[in-house]
Amino acid sequence: MGQSAGSMGGRQSKDELLYQHVATGNIEAIKALCREGASLEWFDSEAKTPLIVACMDSNLIMVAQTLIDLGANVNAYRPGREAGTPLHHAAKRGLDQTVKLLLSKGANALVRNDDGQTSLDVARINGYINVVRTIENHICLFSGWLRELHGPGFLKALAPQLLSRKMSV
């Protein structure tokens, strides 16, 4: 993986061409290169896969969808200074629709980057409330009503319906 030797001689590999077509949003060229064997997991010198690049720009959401449909790894991890998965990169930029797409396609919201942050943490730090809510709703284990019991211990056992109240969570 990584930079190919083919680029040294001035000629680009299929993987590099695919990467360039992702950046320009050329979906048909992406599909054609994939049919010819270009790798969806190739990464550039900054360790960005084509899907990570697509998830860094709101204008490339259809490209991201295409890459996922073609088999790109939604949990591909980019190590280093700008570490994270495609979900981290979309959350960092407040790309709510891209975040929804990734989560719907199986992206793991619990993966931590090299700074120990989840995509939810990244969205919170950057103040993207819509992204925070999207991720919270996705990872929510329970949503509904709970009953909270209060009062002396023996009353809880005898008449809990008299000493309970509904709470929304």
C-alpha atoms as a PDB file:
ATOM      1  CA  MET A   1       0.000   0.000   0.000  1.00  0.00           C
ATOM      2  CA  GLY A   2       1.027   3.651   0.053  1.00  0.00           C
ATOM      3  CA  GLN A   3       2.804   5.476  -2.703  1.00  0.00           C
ATOM      4  CA  SER A   4       3.481   3.296  -5.682  1.00  0.00           C
ATOM      5  CA  ALA A   5       6.711   3.062  -7.594  1.00  0.00           C
ATOM      6  CA  GLY A   6       4.794   3.894 -10.766  1.00  0.00           C
ATOM      7  CA  SER A   7       4.490   7.523  -9.730  1.00  0.00           C
ATOM      8  CA  MET A   8       8.274   7.889  -9.582  1.00  0.00           C
ATOM      9  CA  GLY A   9       8.596   7.670 -13.348  1.00  0.00           C
ATOM     10  CA  GLY A  10       5.947  10.316 -13.934  1.00  0.00           C
ATOM     11  CA  ARG A  11       3.218   7.811 -14.751  1.00  0.00           C
ATOM     12  CA  GLN A  12       0.420   7.489 -12.241  1.00  0.00           C
ATOM     13  CA  SER A  13      -0.911   4.194 -10.992  1.00  0.00           C
ATOM     14  CA  LYS A  14      -4.601   3.315 -11.151  1.00  0.00           C
ATOM     15  CA  ASP A  15      -4.729   3.820  -7.392  1.00  0.00           C
ATOM     16  CA  GLU A  16      -3.360   7.355  -7.659  1.00  0.00           C
ATOM     17  CA  LEU A  17      -5.748   8.158 -10.503  1.00  0.00           C
ATOM     18  CA  LEU A  18      -8.683   6.885  -8.448  1.00  0.00           C
ATOM     19  CA  TYR A  19      -7.550   9.082  -5.576  1.00  0.00           C
ATOM     20  CA  GLN A  20      -7.463  12.129  -7.881  1.00  0.00           C
ATOM     21  CA  HIS A  21     -10.922  11.349  -9.260  1.00  0.00           C
ATOM     22  CA  VAL A  22     -12.242  11.190  -5.696  1.00  0.00           C
ATOM     23  CA  ALA A  23     -10.905  14.685  -5.027  1.00  0.00           C
ATOM     24  CA  THR A  24     -12.597  16.013  -8.175  1.00  0.00           C
ATOM     25  CA  GLY A  25     -15.838  14.073  -7.657  1.00  0.00           C
ATOM     26  CA  ASN A  26     -15.686  12.050 -10.878  1.00  0.00           C
ATOM     27  CA  ILE A  27     -17.883   9.085  -9.905  1.00  0.00           C
ATOM     28  CA  GLU A  28     -17.908   7.392 -13.322  1.00  0.00           C
ATOM     29  CA  ALA A  29     -14.109   7.421 -13.508  1.00  0.00           C
ATOM     30  CA  ILE A  30     -13.951   5.998  -9.970  1.00  0.00           C
ATOM     31  CA  LYS A  31     -16.238   3.122 -10.955  1.00  0.00           C
ATOM     32  CA  ALA A  32     -14.240   2.460 -14.124  1.00  0.00           C
ATOM     33  CA  LEU A  33     -10.916   2.378 -12.260  1.00  0.00           C
ATOM     34  CA  CYS A  34     -12.364   0.003  -9.669  1.00  0.00           C
ATOM     35  CA  ARG A  35     -13.465  -2.328 -12.459  1.00  0.00           C
ATOM     36  CA  GLU A  36      -9.860  -2.216 -13.697  1.00  0.00           C
ATOM     37  CA  GLY A  37      -8.541  -3.205 -10.261  1.00  0.00           C
ATOM     38  CA  ALA A  38      -7.715   0.071  -8.525  1.00  0.00           C
ATOM     39  CA  SER A  39      -7.560  -0.265  -4.744  1.00  0.00           C
ATOM     40  CA  LEU A  40     -10.090   1.529  -2.558  1.00  0.00           C
ATOM     41  CA  GLU A  41      -7.684   1.240   0.374  1.00  0.00           C
ATOM     42  CA  TRP A  42      -4.656   2.879  -1.234  1.00  0.00           C
ATOM     43  CA  PHE A  43      -3.396   5.805   0.815  1.00  0.00           C
ATOM     44  CA  ASP A  44      -1.377   8.893   0.036  1.00  0.00           C
ATOM     45  CA  SER A  45       1.737  10.211   1.797  1.00  0.00           C
ATOM     46  CA  GLU A  46      -0.521  11.605   4.564  1.00  0.00           C
ATOM     47  CA  ALA A  47      -2.163   8.161   5.045  1.00  0.00           C
ATOM     48  CA  LYS A  48      -5.535   9.324   3.686  1.00  0.00           C
ATOM     49  CA  THR A  49      -7.615   6.716   1.872  1.00  0.00           C
ATOM     50  CA  PRO A  50      -9.990   7.788  -0.909  1.00  0.00           C
ATOM     51  CA  LEU A  51     -12.930   7.464   1.509  1.00  0.00           C
ATOM     52  CA  ILE A  52     -11.246   9.696   4.074  1.00  0.00           C
ATOM     53  CA  VAL A  53     -10.736  12.330   1.364  1.00  0.00           C
ATOM     54  CA  ALA A  54     -14.407  12.085   0.363  1.00  0.00           C
ATOM     55  CA  CYS A  55     -15.467  12.419   4.009  1.00  0.00           C
ATOM     56  CA  MET A  56     -13.541  15.664   4.404  1.00  0.00           C
ATOM     57  CA  ASP A  57     -15.707  17.624   1.950  1.00  0.00           C
ATOM     58  CA  SER A  58     -19.497  18.029   2.054  1.00  0.00           C
ATOM     59  CA  ASN A  59     -19.559  18.268  -1.749  1.00  0.00           C
ATOM     60  CA  LEU A  60     -18.194  14.713  -2.011  1.00  0.00           C
ATOM     61  CA  ILE A  61     -20.958  12.858  -0.134  1.00  0.00           C
ATOM     62  CA  MET A  62     -22.071  11.043  -3.303  1.00  0.00           C
ATOM     63  CA  VAL A  63     -18.460  10.039  -3.905  1.00  0.00           C
ATOM     64  CA  ALA A  64     -18.326   8.682  -0.341  1.00  0.00           C
ATOM     65  CA  GLN A  65     -21.546   6.737  -0.987  1.00  0.00           C
ATOM     66  CA  THR A  66     -20.076   5.324  -4.208  1.00  0.00           C
ATOM     67  CA  LEU A  67     -16.827   4.286  -2.526  1.00  0.00           C
ATOM     68  CA  ILE A  68     -18.739   2.539   0.263  1.00  0.00           C
ATOM     69  CA  ASP A  69     -20.971   0.795  -2.279  1.00  0.00           C
ATOM     70  CA  LEU A  70     -17.831  -0.373  -4.091  1.00  0.00           C
ATOM     71  CA  GLY A  71     -16.467  -1.845  -0.853  1.00  0.00           C
ATOM     72  CA  ALA A  72     -14.353   0.838   0.823  1.00  0.00           C
ATOM     73  CA  ASN A  73     -13.653   0.193   4.505  1.00  0.00           C
ATOM     74  CA  VAL A  74     -15.774   2.640   6.549  1.00  0.00           C
ATOM     75  CA  ASN A  75     -13.494   2.050   9.541  1.00  0.00           C
ATOM     76  CA  ALA A  76     -10.155   2.532   7.761  1.00  0.00           C
ATOM     77  CA  TYR A  77      -7.819   4.162  10.269  1.00  0.00           C
ATOM     78  CA  ARG A  78      -5.408   6.943   9.430  1.00  0.00           C
ATOM     79  CA  PRO A  79      -2.580   7.134  11.994  1.00  0.00           C
ATOM     80  CA  GLY A  80      -0.513  10.184  12.831  1.00  0.00           C
ATOM     81  CA  ARG A  81      -1.044  13.856  13.513  1.00  0.00           C
ATOM     82  CA  GLU A  82      -4.492  14.003  11.878  1.00  0.00           C
ATOM     83  CA  ALA A  83      -5.451  10.506  13.027  1.00  0.00           C
ATOM     84  CA  GLY A  84      -8.838   8.889  12.742  1.00  0.00           C
ATOM     85  CA  THR A  85     -11.410   7.062  10.690  1.00  0.00           C
ATOM     86  CA  PRO A  86     -13.576   8.603   7.967  1.00  0.00           C
ATOM     87  CA  LEU A  87     -16.121   9.235  10.749  1.00  0.00           C
ATOM     88  CA  HIS A  88     -13.569  11.240  12.762  1.00  0.00           C
ATOM     89  CA  HIS A  89     -12.804  13.390   9.721  1.00  0.00           C
ATOM     90  CA  ALA A  90     -16.471  14.036   8.910  1.00  0.00           C
ATOM     91  CA  ALA A  91     -17.242  14.832  12.562  1.00  0.00           C
ATOM     92  CA  LYS A  92     -14.269  17.203  12.775  1.00  0.00           C
ATOM     93  CA  ARG A  93     -15.715  19.230   9.899  1.00  0.00           C
ATOM     94  CA  GLY A  94     -19.351  19.128  11.019  1.00  0.00           C
ATOM     95  CA  LEU A  95     -20.520  17.119   8.009  1.00  0.00           C
ATOM     96  CA  ASP A  96     -23.795  15.837   9.463  1.00  0.00           C
ATOM     97  CA  GLN A  97     -25.023  14.076   6.302  1.00  0.00           C
ATOM     98  CA  THR A  98     -21.683  12.347   5.800  1.00  0.00           C
ATOM     99  CA  VAL A  99     -21.713  11.252   9.450  1.00  0.00           C
ATOM    100  CA  LYS A 100     -25.233   9.826   8.978  1.00  0.00           C
ATOM    101  CA  LEU A 101     -24.103   7.979   5.853  1.00  0.00           C
ATOM    102  CA  LEU A 102     -21.073   6.457   7.570  1.00  0.00           C
ATOM    103  CA  LEU A 103     -23.050   5.384  10.631  1.00  0.00           C
ATOM    104  CA  SER A 104     -25.761   3.829   8.451  1.00  0.00           C
ATOM    105  CA  LYS A 105     -23.066   1.831   6.637  1.00  0.00           C
ATOM    106  CA  GLY A 106     -21.522   0.411   9.805  1.00  0.00           C
ATOM    107  CA  ALA A 107     -18.917   2.966  10.878  1.00  0.00           C
ATOM    108  CA  ASN A 108     -17.834   2.378  14.475  1.00  0.00           C
ATOM    109  CA  ALA A 109     -18.498   5.507  16.550  1.00  0.00           C
ATOM    110  CA  LEU A 110     -16.473   4.126  19.467  1.00  0.00           C
ATOM    111  CA  VAL A 111     -13.070   4.013  17.729  1.00  0.00           C
ATOM    112  CA  ARG A 112     -10.537   6.360  19.347  1.00  0.00           C
ATOM    113  CA  ASN A 113      -7.955   8.363  17.421  1.00  0.00           C
ATOM    114  CA  ASP A 114      -4.308   8.763  18.464  1.00  0.00           C
ATOM    115  CA  ASP A 115      -5.396  11.477  20.935  1.00  0.00           C
ATOM    116  CA  GLY A 116      -7.840   9.064  22.590  1.00  0.00           C
ATOM    117  CA  GLN A 117     -10.906  10.819  21.154  1.00  0.00           C
ATOM    118  CA  THR A 118     -13.978   9.223  19.597  1.00  0.00           C
ATOM    119  CA  SER A 119     -15.768  10.905  16.709  1.00  0.00           C
ATOM    120  CA  LEU A 120     -18.314  12.135  19.285  1.00  0.00           C
ATOM    121  CA  ASP A 121     -15.515  13.796  21.265  1.00  0.00           C
ATOM    122  CA  VAL A 122     -14.184  15.417  18.090  1.00  0.00           C
ATOM    123  CA  ALA A 123     -17.632  16.808  17.201  1.00  0.00           C
ATOM    124  CA  ARG A 124     -18.080  18.168  20.748  1.00  0.00           C
ATOM    125  CA  ILE A 125     -14.659  19.822  20.790  1.00  0.00           C
ATOM    126  CA  ASN A 126     -15.404  21.542  17.486  1.00  0.00           C
ATOM    127  CA  GLY A 127     -18.910  22.603  18.535  1.00  0.00           C
ATOM    128  CA  TYR A 128     -20.903  20.701  15.912  1.00  0.00           C
ATOM    129  CA  ILE A 129     -24.120  20.107  17.862  1.00  0.00           C
ATOM    130  CA  ASN A 130     -25.978  18.434  14.964  1.00  0.00           C
ATOM    131  CA  VAL A 131     -23.175  15.924  14.546  1.00  0.00           C
ATOM    132  CA  VAL A 132     -23.063  15.352  18.316  1.00  0.00           C
ATOM    133  CA  ARG A 133     -26.817  14.606  18.331  1.00  0.00           C
ATOM    134  CA  THR A 134     -26.527  12.320  15.301  1.00  0.00           C
ATOM    135  CA  ILE A 135     -23.784  10.238  16.905  1.00  0.00           C
ATOM    136  CA  GLU A 136     -25.472  10.224  20.322  1.00  0.00           C
ATOM    137  CA  ASN A 137     -28.721   8.993  18.773  1.00  0.00           C
ATOM    138  CA  HIS A 138     -26.834   6.272  16.924  1.00  0.00           C
ATOM    139  CA  ILE A 139     -25.016   4.932  19.987  1.00  0.00           C
ATOM    140  CA  CYS A 140     -27.940   5.368  22.377  1.00  0.00           C
ATOM    141  CA  LEU A 141     -28.666   2.092  24.148  1.00  0.00           C
ATOM    142  CA  PHE A 142     -32.025   3.193  25.519  1.00  0.00           C
ATOM    143  CA  SER A 143     -34.403   5.989  24.754  1.00  0.00           C
ATOM    144  CA  GLY A 144     -37.727   6.294  26.480  1.00  0.00           C
ATOM    145  CA  TRP A 145     -39.211   6.572  29.938  1.00  0.00           C
ATOM    146  CA  LEU A 146     -37.755   5.358  33.218  1.00  0.00           C
ATOM    147  CA  ARG A 147     -39.434   5.313  36.583  1.00  0.00           C
ATOM    148  CA  GLU A 148     -37.532   6.746  39.498  1.00  0.00           C
ATOM    149  CA  LEU A 149     -38.533   5.477  42.920  1.00  0.00           C
ATOM    150  CA  HIS A 150     -38.123   7.693  45.946  1.00  0.00           C
ATOM    151  CA  GLY A 151     -39.161   7.678  49.570  1.00  0.00           C
ATOM    152  CA  PRO A 152     -38.536   5.379  52.536  1.00  0.00           C
ATOM    153  CA  GLY A 153     -37.393   1.863  51.699  1.00  0.00           C
ATOM    154  CA  PHE A 154     -40.472   0.017  53.008  1.00  0.00           C
ATOM    155  CA  LEU A 155     -42.834   2.232  50.961  1.00  0.00           C
ATOM    156  CA  LYS A 156     -40.980   1.327  47.759  1.00  0.00           C
ATOM    157  CA  ALA A 157     -41.749  -2.317  48.380  1.00  0.00           C
ATOM    158  CA  LEU A 158     -45.385  -1.804  49.391  1.00  0.00           C
ATOM    159  CA  ALA A 159     -46.640   0.871  47.023  1.00  0.00           C
ATOM    160  CA  PRO A 160     -44.118   1.817  44.319  1.00  0.00           C
ATOM    161  CA  GLN A 161     -46.826   3.224  42.050  1.00  0.00           C
ATOM    162  CA  LEU A 162     -47.496   5.927  44.650  1.00  0.00           C
ATOM    163  CA  LEU A 163     -43.878   6.974  44.921  1.00  0.00           C
ATOM    164  CA  SER A 164     -42.650   6.921  41.336  1.00  0.00           C
ATOM    165  CA  ARG A 165     -42.380   9.504  38.630  1.00  0.00           C
ATOM    166  CA  LYS A 166     -41.576   9.341  34.947  1.00  0.00           C
ATOM    167  CA  MET A 167     -38.290  10.678  33.663  1.00  0.00           C
ATOM    168  CA  SER A 168     -37.354  11.104  30.043  1.00  0.00           C
ATOM    169  CA  VAL A 169     -33.917   9.928  28.989  1.00  0.00           C
END
